[in-house]
PDB file of all heavy atoms in Angstrom:
ATOM      1  N   VAL A   1       7.527  75.431-174.872  1.00  0.00           N
ATOM      2  CA  VAL A   1       6.723  74.622-173.992  1.00  0.00           C
ATOM      3  C   VAL A   1       6.941  75.026-172.505  1.00  0.00           C
ATOM      4  O   VAL A   1       6.001  75.176-171.740  1.00  0.00           O
ATOM      5  CB  VAL A   1       7.068  73.099-174.157  1.00  0.00           C
ATOM      6  CG1 VAL A   1       6.422  72.266-173.074  1.00  0.00           C
ATOM      7  CG2 VAL A   1       6.644  72.651-175.525  1.00  0.00           C
ATOM      8  N   LEU A   2       8.174  75.260-172.147  1.00  0.00           N
ATOM      9  CA  LEU A   2       8.467  75.700-170.779  1.00  0.00           C
ATOM     10  C   LEU A   2       7.840  77.077-170.490  1.00  0.00           C
ATOM     11  O   LEU A   2       7.252  77.313-169.440  1.00  0.00           O
ATOM     12  CB  LEU A   2       9.988  75.760-170.545  1.00  0.00           C
ATOM     13  CG  LEU A   2      10.412  76.185-169.163  1.00  0.00           C
ATOM     14  CD1 LEU A   2       9.926  75.239-168.109  1.00  0.00           C
ATOM     15  CD2 LEU A   2      11.938  76.336-169.107  1.00  0.00           C
ATOM     16  N   GLY A   3       7.960  77.973-171.428  1.00  0.00           N
ATOM     17  CA  GLY A   3       7.330  79.317-171.282  1.00  0.00           C
ATOM     18  C   GLY A   3       5.843  79.196-171.087  1.00  0.00           C
ATOM     19  O   GLY A   3       5.278  79.891-170.233  1.00  0.00           O
ATOM     20  N   CYS A   4       5.155  78.366-171.889  1.00  0.00           N
ATOM     21  CA  CYS A   4       3.710  78.163-171.741  1.00  0.00           C
ATOM     22  C   CYS A   4       3.372  77.582-170.360  1.00  0.00           C
ATOM     23  O   CYS A   4       2.421  78.025-169.720  1.00  0.00           O
ATOM     24  CB  CYS A   4       3.184  77.285-172.855  1.00  0.00           C
ATOM     25  SG  CYS A   4       3.079  78.072-174.463  1.00  0.00           S
ATOM     26  N   ARG A   5       4.155  76.631-169.938  1.00  0.00           N
ATOM     27  CA  ARG A   5       3.894  76.026-168.618  1.00  0.00           C
ATOM     28  C   ARG A   5       4.079  77.057-167.525  1.00  0.00           C
ATOM     29  O   ARG A   5       3.266  77.088-166.564  1.00  0.00           O
ATOM     30  CB  ARG A   5       4.836  74.835-168.374  1.00  0.00           C
ATOM     31  CG  ARG A   5       4.421  73.591-169.145  1.00  0.00           C
ATOM     32  CD  ARG A   5       5.223  72.431-168.768  1.00  0.00           C
ATOM     33  NE  ARG A   5       4.759  71.274-169.526  1.00  0.00           N
ATOM     34  CZ  ARG A   5       5.217  70.072-169.362  1.00  0.00           C
ATOM     35  NH1 ARG A   5       6.192  69.840-168.472  1.00  0.00           N
ATOM     36  NH2 ARG A   5       4.758  69.073-170.057  1.00  0.00           N
ATOM     37  N   VAL A   6       5.095  77.869-167.583  1.00  0.00           N
ATOM     38  CA  VAL A   6       5.271  78.924-166.555  1.00  0.00           C
ATOM     39  C   VAL A   6       4.143  79.891-166.543  1.00  0.00           C
ATOM     40  O   VAL A   6       3.614  80.262-165.485  1.00  0.00           O
ATOM     41  CB  VAL A   6       6.656  79.606-166.756  1.00  0.00           C
ATOM     42  CG1 VAL A   6       6.769  80.852-165.906  1.00  0.00           C
ATOM     43  CG2 VAL A   6       7.796  78.632-166.462  1.00  0.00           C
ATOM     44  N   ILE A   7       3.686  80.284-167.727  1.00  0.00           N
ATOM     45  CA  ILE A   7       2.557  81.218-167.808  1.00  0.00           C
ATOM     46  C   ILE A   7       1.281  80.581-167.240  1.00  0.00           C
ATOM     47  O   ILE A   7       0.582  81.233-166.486  1.00  0.00           O
ATOM     48  CB  ILE A   7       2.312  81.698-169.290  1.00  0.00           C
ATOM     49  CG1 ILE A   7       3.498  82.612-169.674  1.00  0.00           C
ATOM     50  CG2 ILE A   7       0.978  82.380-169.448  1.00  0.00           C
ATOM     51  CD1 ILE A   7       3.549  82.891-171.148  1.00  0.00           C
ATOM     52  N   ILE A   8       1.046  79.345-167.595  1.00  0.00           N
ATOM     53  CA  ILE A   8      -0.168  78.641-167.071  1.00  0.00           C
ATOM     54  C   ILE A   8      -0.104  78.554-165.548  1.00  0.00           C
ATOM     55  O   ILE A   8      -1.057  78.881-164.838  1.00  0.00           O
ATOM     56  CB  ILE A   8      -0.294  77.266-167.710  1.00  0.00           C
ATOM     57  CG1 ILE A   8      -0.706  77.368-169.173  1.00  0.00           C
ATOM     58  CG2 ILE A   8      -1.321  76.400-166.937  1.00  0.00           C
ATOM     59  CD1 ILE A   8      -0.666  76.094-169.954  1.00  0.00           C
ATOM     60  N   LEU A   9       1.044  78.144-164.987  1.00  0.00           N
ATOM     61  CA  LEU A   9       1.164  78.027-163.559  1.00  0.00           C
ATOM     62  C   LEU A   9       1.034  79.370-162.880  1.00  0.00           C
ATOM     63  O   LEU A   9       0.453  79.497-161.803  1.00  0.00           O
ATOM     64  CB  LEU A   9       2.489  77.375-163.181  1.00  0.00           C
ATOM     65  CG  LEU A   9       2.593  75.879-163.514  1.00  0.00           C
ATOM     66  CD1 LEU A   9       4.011  75.354-163.226  1.00  0.00           C
ATOM     67  CD2 LEU A   9       1.563  75.070-162.747  1.00  0.00           C
ATOM     68  N   ALA A  10       1.619  80.411-163.485  1.00  0.00           N
ATOM     69  CA  ALA A  10       1.512  81.775-162.908  1.00  0.00           C
ATOM     70  C   ALA A  10       0.064  82.205-162.851  1.00  0.00           C
ATOM     71  O   ALA A  10      -0.396  82.740-161.831  1.00  0.00           O
ATOM     72  CB  ALA A  10       2.370  82.730-163.730  1.00  0.00           C
ATOM     73  N   ARG A  11      -0.647  81.982-163.931  1.00  0.00           N
ATOM     74  CA  ARG A  11      -2.082  82.381-163.975  1.00  0.00           C
ATOM     75  C   ARG A  11      -2.901  81.551-162.999  1.00  0.00           C
ATOM     76  O   ARG A  11      -3.816  82.118-162.339  1.00  0.00           O
ATOM     77  CB  ARG A  11      -2.647  82.248-165.383  1.00  0.00           C
ATOM     78  CG  ARG A  11      -2.150  83.317-166.334  1.00  0.00           C
ATOM     79  CD  ARG A  11      -2.596  84.695-165.886  1.00  0.00           C
ATOM     80  NE  ARG A  11      -4.020  84.865-166.163  1.00  0.00           N
ATOM     81  CZ  ARG A  11      -4.822  85.713-165.524  1.00  0.00           C
ATOM     82  NH1 ARG A  11      -4.364  86.483-164.586  1.00  0.00           N
ATOM     83  NH2 ARG A  11      -6.071  85.804-165.824  1.00  0.00           N
ATOM     84  N   ILE A  12      -2.624  80.288-162.891  1.00  0.00           N
ATOM     85  CA  ILE A  12      -3.342  79.473-161.889  1.00  0.00           C
ATOM     86  C   ILE A  12      -3.119  80.069-160.486  1.00  0.00           C
ATOM     87  O   ILE A  12      -4.039  80.256-159.719  1.00  0.00           O
ATOM     88  CB  ILE A  12      -2.885  78.015-161.944  1.00  0.00           C
ATOM     89  CG1 ILE A  12      -3.417  77.321-163.201  1.00  0.00           C
ATOM     90  CG2 ILE A  12      -3.354  77.261-160.678  1.00  0.00           C
ATOM     91  CD1 ILE A  12      -2.862  75.928-163.444  1.00  0.00           C
ATOM     92  N   GLY A  13      -1.898  80.438-160.243  1.00  0.00           N
ATOM     93  CA  GLY A  13      -1.550  81.019-158.949  1.00  0.00           C
ATOM     94  C   GLY A  13      -2.220  82.319-158.686  1.00  0.00           C
ATOM     95  O   GLY A  13      -2.856  82.569-157.635  1.00  0.00           O
ATOM     96  N   ASP A  14      -2.162  83.238-159.660  1.00  0.00           N
ATOM     97  CA  ASP A  14      -2.731  84.551-159.398  1.00  0.00           C
ATOM     98  C   ASP A  14      -4.280  84.548-159.378  1.00  0.00           C
ATOM     99  O   ASP A  14      -4.871  85.227-158.536  1.00  0.00           O
ATOM    100  CB  ASP A  14      -2.186  85.631-160.360  1.00  0.00           C
ATOM    101  CG  ASP A  14      -2.961  85.800-161.657  1.00  0.00           C
ATOM    102  OD1 ASP A  14      -4.039  86.417-161.638  1.00  0.00           O
ATOM    103  OD2 ASP A  14      -2.434  85.381-162.687  1.00  0.00           O
ATOM    104  N   VAL A  15      -4.907  83.723-160.180  1.00  0.00           N
ATOM    105  CA  VAL A  15      -6.377  83.641-160.105  1.00  0.00           C
ATOM    106  C   VAL A  15      -6.846  82.959-158.836  1.00  0.00           C
ATOM    107  O   VAL A  15      -7.808  83.409-158.171  1.00  0.00           O
ATOM    108  CB  VAL A  15      -6.923  82.970-161.384  1.00  0.00           C
ATOM    109  CG1 VAL A  15      -8.443  82.703-161.257  1.00  0.00           C
ATOM    110  CG2 VAL A  15      -6.639  83.794-162.632  1.00  0.00           C
ATOM    111  N   ALA A  16      -6.148  81.909-158.424  1.00  0.00           N
ATOM    112  CA  ALA A  16      -6.518  81.228-157.171  1.00  0.00           C
ATOM    113  C   ALA A  16      -6.305  82.212-155.995  1.00  0.00           C
ATOM    114  O   ALA A  16      -7.157  82.236-155.054  1.00  0.00           O
ATOM    115  CB  ALA A  16      -5.680  80.004-156.968  1.00  0.00           C
ATOM    116  N   LEU A  17      -5.234  82.977-156.010  1.00  0.00           N
ATOM    117  CA  LEU A  17      -5.002  83.967-154.942  1.00  0.00           C
ATOM    118  C   LEU A  17      -6.117  85.045-154.977  1.00  0.00           C
ATOM    119  O   LEU A  17      -6.514  85.537-153.934  1.00  0.00           O
ATOM    120  CB  LEU A  17      -3.669  84.608-155.086  1.00  0.00           C
ATOM    121  CG  LEU A  17      -2.452  83.774-154.617  1.00  0.00           C
ATOM    122  CD1 LEU A  17      -1.159  84.347-155.129  1.00  0.00           C
ATOM    123  CD2 LEU A  17      -2.455  83.674-153.104  1.00  0.00           C
ATOM    124  N   GLY A  18      -6.566  85.363-156.162  1.00  0.00           N
ATOM    125  CA  GLY A  18      -7.692  86.323-156.251  1.00  0.00           C
ATOM    126  C   GLY A  18      -8.958  85.818-155.576  1.00  0.00           C
ATOM    127  O   GLY A  18      -9.664  86.588-154.921  1.00  0.00           O
ATOM    128  N   ALA A  19      -9.204  84.491-155.727  1.00  0.00           N
ATOM    129  CA  ALA A  19     -10.373  83.945-155.030  1.00  0.00           C
ATOM    130  C   ALA A  19     -10.198  84.012-153.527  1.00  0.00           C
ATOM    131  O   ALA A  19     -11.093  84.370-152.795  1.00  0.00           O
ATOM    132  CB  ALA A  19     -10.575  82.522-155.455  1.00  0.00           C
ATOM    133  N   LEU A  20      -8.979  83.688-153.072  1.00  0.00           N
ATOM    134  CA  LEU A  20      -8.717  83.742-151.635  1.00  0.00           C
ATOM    135  C   LEU A  20      -8.812  85.190-151.134  1.00  0.00           C
ATOM    136  O   LEU A  20      -9.332  85.453-150.021  1.00  0.00           O
ATOM    137  CB  LEU A  20      -7.327  83.188-151.337  1.00  0.00           C
ATOM    138  CG  LEU A  20      -7.149  81.680-151.584  1.00  0.00           C
ATOM    139  CD1 LEU A  20      -5.693  81.308-151.380  1.00  0.00           C
ATOM    140  CD2 LEU A  20      -8.007  80.889-150.640  1.00  0.00           C
ATOM    141  N   ARG A  21      -8.289  86.142-151.904  1.00  0.00           N
ATOM    142  CA  ARG A  21      -8.352  87.543-151.558  1.00  0.00           C
ATOM    143  C   ARG A  21      -9.797  88.010-151.380  1.00  0.00           C
ATOM    144  O   ARG A  21     -10.164  88.682-150.415  1.00  0.00           O
ATOM    145  CB  ARG A  21      -7.684  88.408-152.567  1.00  0.00           C
ATOM    146  CG  ARG A  21      -7.740  89.886-152.296  1.00  0.00           C
ATOM    147  CD  ARG A  21      -7.164  90.755-153.429  1.00  0.00           C
ATOM    148  NE  ARG A  21      -7.578  90.330-154.748  1.00  0.00           N
ATOM    149  CZ  ARG A  21      -8.738  90.607-155.348  1.00  0.00           C
ATOM    150  NH1 ARG A  21      -9.633  91.313-154.667  1.00  0.00           N
ATOM    151  NH2 ARG A  21      -9.005  90.176-156.538  1.00  0.00           N
ATOM    152  N   THR A  22     -10.662  87.621-152.296  1.00  0.00           N
ATOM    153  CA  THR A  22     -12.051  88.006-152.236  1.00  0.00           C
ATOM    154  C   THR A  22     -12.703  87.499-150.997  1.00  0.00           C
ATOM    155  O   THR A  22     -13.424  88.229-150.308  1.00  0.00           O
ATOM    156  CB  THR A  22     -12.806  87.490-153.514  1.00  0.00           C
ATOM    157  OG1 THR A  22     -12.172  88.048-154.672  1.00  0.00           O
ATOM    158  CG2 THR A  22     -14.241  87.876-153.480  1.00  0.00           C
ATOM    159  N   VAL A  23     -12.452  86.246-150.641  1.00  0.00           N
ATOM    160  CA  VAL A  23     -13.061  85.702-149.446  1.00  0.00           C
ATOM    161  C   VAL A  23     -12.478  86.383-148.196  1.00  0.00           C
ATOM    162  O   VAL A  23     -13.218  86.647-147.240  1.00  0.00           O
ATOM    163  CB  VAL A  23     -12.820  84.165-149.365  1.00  0.00           C
ATOM    164  CG1 VAL A  23     -13.234  83.574-148.034  1.00  0.00           C
ATOM    165  CG2 VAL A  23     -13.594  83.472-150.464  1.00  0.00           C
ATOM    166  N   ALA A  24     -11.206  86.752-148.229  1.00  0.00           N
ATOM    167  CA  ALA A  24     -10.608  87.446-147.097  1.00  0.00           C
ATOM    168  C   ALA A  24     -11.239  88.820-146.931  1.00  0.00           C
ATOM    169  O   ALA A  24     -11.516  89.236-145.818  1.00  0.00           O
ATOM    170  CB  ALA A  24      -9.082  87.577-147.282  1.00  0.00           C
ATOM    171  N   VAL A  25     -11.500  89.517-148.030  1.00  0.00           N
ATOM    172  CA  VAL A  25     -12.150  90.834-147.961  1.00  0.00           C
ATOM    173  C   VAL A  25     -13.557  90.709-147.389  1.00  0.00           C
ATOM    174  O   VAL A  25     -13.945  91.428-146.437  1.00  0.00           O
ATOM    175  CB  VAL A  25     -12.206  91.518-149.363  1.00  0.00           C
ATOM    176  CG1 VAL A  25     -13.114  92.694-149.362  1.00  0.00           C
ATOM    177  CG2 VAL A  25     -10.802  91.882-149.808  1.00  0.00           C
ATOM    178  N   VAL A  26     -14.305  89.774-147.901  1.00  0.00           N
ATOM    179  CA  VAL A  26     -15.714  89.582-147.432  1.00  0.00           C
ATOM    180  C   VAL A  26     -15.709  89.162-145.971  1.00  0.00           C
ATOM    181  O   VAL A  26     -16.571  89.596-145.202  1.00  0.00           O
ATOM    182  CB  VAL A  26     -16.429  88.515-148.291  1.00  0.00           C
ATOM    183  CG1 VAL A  26     -17.746  88.115-147.711  1.00  0.00           C
ATOM    184  CG2 VAL A  26     -16.642  89.060-149.708  1.00  0.00           C
ATOM    185  N   GLY A  27     -14.758  88.369-145.559  1.00  0.00           N
ATOM    186  CA  GLY A  27     -14.690  87.919-144.192  1.00  0.00           C
ATOM    187  C   GLY A  27     -14.064  88.896-143.218  1.00  0.00           C
ATOM    188  O   GLY A  27     -13.982  88.633-142.014  1.00  0.00           O
ATOM    189  N   GLY A  28     -13.642  90.042-143.714  1.00  0.00           N
ATOM    190  CA  GLY A  28     -13.075  91.062-142.828  1.00  0.00           C
ATOM    191  C   GLY A  28     -11.653  90.789-142.374  1.00  0.00           C
ATOM    192  O   GLY A  28     -11.220  91.337-141.352  1.00  0.00           O
ATOM    193  N   HIS A  29     -10.900  90.023-143.139  1.00  0.00           N
ATOM    194  CA  HIS A  29      -9.513  89.712-142.844  1.00  0.00           C
ATOM    195  C   HIS A  29      -8.616  90.624-143.657  1.00  0.00           C
ATOM    196  O   HIS A  29      -8.046  90.247-144.654  1.00  0.00           O
ATOM    197  CB  HIS A  29      -9.205  88.249-143.152  1.00  0.00           C
ATOM    198  CG  HIS A  29     -10.076  87.264-142.437  1.00  0.00           C
ATOM    199  ND1 HIS A  29      -9.946  86.966-141.120  1.00  0.00           N
ATOM    200  CD2 HIS A  29     -11.149  86.584-142.863  1.00  0.00           C
ATOM    201  CE1 HIS A  29     -10.875  86.100-140.760  1.00  0.00           C
ATOM    202  NE2 HIS A  29     -11.613  85.836-141.796  1.00  0.00           N
ATOM    203  N   GLY A  30      -8.465  91.906-143.181  1.00  0.00           N
ATOM    204  CA  GLY A  30      -7.746  92.921-143.931  1.00  0.00           C
ATOM    205  C   GLY A  30      -6.297  92.551-144.214  1.00  0.00           C
ATOM    206  O   GLY A  30      -5.819  92.743-145.294  1.00  0.00           O
ATOM    207  N   GLY A  31      -5.587  92.037-143.249  1.00  0.00           N
ATOM    208  CA  GLY A  31      -4.179  91.689-143.430  1.00  0.00           C
ATOM    209  C   GLY A  31      -4.013  90.606-144.449  1.00  0.00           C
ATOM    210  O   GLY A  31      -3.136  90.682-145.331  1.00  0.00           O
ATOM    211  N   LEU A  32      -4.826  89.554-144.363  1.00  0.00           N
ATOM    212  CA  LEU A  32      -4.721  88.483-145.371  1.00  0.00           C
ATOM    213  C   LEU A  32      -5.142  88.958-146.770  1.00  0.00           C
ATOM    214  O   LEU A  32      -4.500  88.597-147.748  1.00  0.00           O
ATOM    215  CB  LEU A  32      -5.648  87.312-144.946  1.00  0.00           C
ATOM    216  CG  LEU A  32      -5.067  86.353-143.937  1.00  0.00           C
ATOM    217  CD1 LEU A  32      -6.107  85.311-143.578  1.00  0.00           C
ATOM    218  CD2 LEU A  32      -3.811  85.703-144.446  1.00  0.00           C
ATOM    219  N   SER A  33      -6.152  89.803-146.833  1.00  0.00           N
ATOM    220  CA  SER A  33      -6.564  90.259-148.146  1.00  0.00           C
ATOM    221  C   SER A  33      -5.465  91.108-148.769  1.00  0.00           C
ATOM    222  O   SER A  33      -5.253  91.022-150.004  1.00  0.00           O
ATOM    223  CB  SER A  33      -7.883  91.040-148.085  1.00  0.00           C
ATOM    224  OG  SER A  33      -7.761  92.194-147.309  1.00  0.00           O
ATOM    225  N   TRP A  34      -4.788  91.894-147.965  1.00  0.00           N
ATOM    226  CA  TRP A  34      -3.662  92.693-148.475  1.00  0.00           C
ATOM    227  C   TRP A  34      -2.560  91.781-148.986  1.00  0.00           C
ATOM    228  O   TRP A  34      -2.036  91.968-150.093  1.00  0.00           O
ATOM    229  CB  TRP A  34      -3.086  93.614-147.367  1.00  0.00           C
ATOM    230  CG  TRP A  34      -1.981  94.462-147.788  1.00  0.00           C
ATOM    231  CD1 TRP A  34      -2.047  95.714-148.338  1.00  0.00           C
ATOM    232  CD2 TRP A  34      -0.555  94.159-147.752  1.00  0.00           C
ATOM    233  NE1 TRP A  34      -0.817  96.183-148.629  1.00  0.00           N
ATOM    234  CE2 TRP A  34       0.125  95.223-148.291  1.00  0.00           C
ATOM    235  CE3 TRP A  34       0.174  93.038-147.341  1.00  0.00           C
ATOM    236  CZ2 TRP A  34       1.509  95.266-148.402  1.00  0.00           C
ATOM    237  CZ3 TRP A  34       1.559  93.065-147.432  1.00  0.00           C
ATOM    238  CH2 TRP A  34       2.179  94.186-147.975  1.00  0.00           C
ATOM    239  N   LEU A  35      -2.193  90.765-148.214  1.00  0.00           N
ATOM    240  CA  LEU A  35      -1.104  89.832-148.607  1.00  0.00           C
ATOM    241  C   LEU A  35      -1.496  89.077-149.890  1.00  0.00           C
ATOM    242  O   LEU A  35      -0.697  88.999-150.827  1.00  0.00           O
ATOM    243  CB  LEU A  35      -0.803  88.873-147.491  1.00  0.00           C
ATOM    244  CG  LEU A  35       0.277  87.806-147.781  1.00  0.00           C
ATOM    245  CD1 LEU A  35       1.594  88.476-148.060  1.00  0.00           C
ATOM    246  CD2 LEU A  35       0.365  86.841-146.630  1.00  0.00           C
ATOM    247  N   PHE A  36      -2.721  88.548-149.924  1.00  0.00           N
ATOM    248  CA  PHE A  36      -3.165  87.817-151.127  1.00  0.00           C
ATOM    249  C   PHE A  36      -3.157  88.741-152.334  1.00  0.00           C
ATOM    250  O   PHE A  36      -2.785  88.339-153.435  1.00  0.00           O
ATOM    251  CB  PHE A  36      -4.532  87.206-150.910  1.00  0.00           C
ATOM    252  CG  PHE A  36      -4.608  86.052-149.929  1.00  0.00           C
ATOM    253  CD1 PHE A  36      -5.708  85.813-149.177  1.00  0.00           C
ATOM    254  CD2 PHE A  36      -3.479  85.228-149.740  1.00  0.00           C
ATOM    255  CE1 PHE A  36      -5.776  84.772-148.260  1.00  0.00           C
ATOM    256  CE2 PHE A  36      -3.553  84.172-148.835  1.00  0.00           C
ATOM    257  CZ  PHE A  36      -4.702  83.973-148.117  1.00  0.00           C
ATOM    258  N   GLY A  37      -3.651  89.966-152.172  1.00  0.00           N
ATOM    259  CA  GLY A  37      -3.677  90.906-153.254  1.00  0.00           C
ATOM    260  C   GLY A  37      -2.268  91.234-153.763  1.00  0.00           C
ATOM    261  O   GLY A  37      -2.016  91.337-154.970  1.00  0.00           O
ATOM    262  N   LEU A  38      -1.350  91.461-152.865  1.00  0.00           N
ATOM    263  CA  LEU A  38       0.044  91.763-153.261  1.00  0.00           C
ATOM    264  C   LEU A  38       0.628  90.617-154.050  1.00  0.00           C
ATOM    265  O   LEU A  38       1.205  90.809-155.130  1.00  0.00           O
ATOM    266  CB  LEU A  38       0.890  91.990-151.986  1.00  0.00           C
ATOM    267  CG  LEU A  38       2.415  92.209-152.241  1.00  0.00           C
ATOM    268  CD1 LEU A  38       2.640  93.541-152.929  1.00  0.00           C
ATOM    269  CD2 LEU A  38       3.169  92.113-150.952  1.00  0.00           C
ATOM    270  N   LEU A  39       0.476  89.399-153.579  1.00  0.00           N
ATOM    271  CA  LEU A  39       0.996  88.224-154.312  1.00  0.00           C
ATOM    272  C   LEU A  39       0.299  88.037-155.650  1.00  0.00           C
ATOM    273  O   LEU A  39       0.944  87.821-156.689  1.00  0.00           O
ATOM    274  CB  LEU A  39       0.867  86.965-153.446  1.00  0.00           C
ATOM    275  CG  LEU A  39       1.681  86.932-152.175  1.00  0.00           C
ATOM    276  CD1 LEU A  39       1.310  85.712-151.324  1.00  0.00           C
ATOM    277  CD2 LEU A  39       3.164  86.922-152.507  1.00  0.00           C
ATOM    278  N   GLU A  40      -0.990  88.188-155.658  1.00  0.00           N
ATOM    279  CA  GLU A  40      -1.828  88.030-156.859  1.00  0.00           C
ATOM    280  C   GLU A  40      -1.330  88.981-157.946  1.00  0.00           C
ATOM    281  O   GLU A  40      -1.074  88.576-159.066  1.00  0.00           O
ATOM    282  CB  GLU A  40      -3.277  88.273-156.532  1.00  0.00           C
ATOM    283  CG  GLU A  40      -4.171  88.353-157.746  1.00  0.00           C
ATOM    284  CD  GLU A  40      -5.538  88.909-157.411  1.00  0.00           C
ATOM    285  OE1 GLU A  40      -5.791  89.354-156.280  1.00  0.00           O
ATOM    286  OE2 GLU A  40      -6.401  88.895-158.337  1.00  0.00           O
ATOM    287  N   ILE A  41      -1.258  90.238-157.626  1.00  0.00           N
ATOM    288  CA  ILE A  41      -0.940  91.263-158.651  1.00  0.00           C
ATOM    289  C   ILE A  41       0.543  91.164-159.055  1.00  0.00           C
ATOM    290  O   ILE A  41       0.876  91.397-160.232  1.00  0.00           O
ATOM    291  CB  ILE A  41      -1.289  92.665-158.171  1.00  0.00           C
ATOM    292  CG1 ILE A  41      -2.811  92.755-157.951  1.00  0.00           C
ATOM    293  CG2 ILE A  41      -0.842  93.746-159.152  1.00  0.00           C
ATOM    294  CD1 ILE A  41      -3.639  92.334-159.136  1.00  0.00           C
ATOM    295  N   THR A  42       1.417  90.814-158.158  1.00  0.00           N
ATOM    296  CA  THR A  42       2.849  90.649-158.516  1.00  0.00           C
ATOM    297  C   THR A  42       2.988  89.529-159.572  1.00  0.00           C
ATOM    298  O   THR A  42       3.663  89.710-160.591  1.00  0.00           O
ATOM    299  CB  THR A  42       3.703  90.317-157.260  1.00  0.00           C
ATOM    300  OG1 THR A  42       3.578  91.389-156.339  1.00  0.00           O
ATOM    301  CG2 THR A  42       5.128  90.118-157.645  1.00  0.00           C
ATOM    302  N   ILE A  43       2.353  88.383-159.312  1.00  0.00           N
ATOM    303  CA  ILE A  43       2.376  87.321-160.250  1.00  0.00           C
ATOM    304  C   ILE A  43       1.754  87.714-161.595  1.00  0.00           C
ATOM    305  O   ILE A  43       2.286  87.439-162.679  1.00  0.00           O
ATOM    306  CB  ILE A  43       1.692  86.059-159.684  1.00  0.00           C
ATOM    307  CG1 ILE A  43       2.451  85.513-158.480  1.00  0.00           C
ATOM    308  CG2 ILE A  43       1.539  84.992-160.763  1.00  0.00           C
ATOM    309  CD1 ILE A  43       1.696  84.455-157.678  1.00  0.00           C
TER     310      ILE A  43
END
């Protein structure tokens, strides 16, 4: 149960960061898009 919860929370985090990264790229925020991408893929 704990493993499933950790996986669910990790995926929520990385997919949400992916949405933020996409908006940062479209908005021309290179530094933020890099940071969001790094965190997203690490998770």
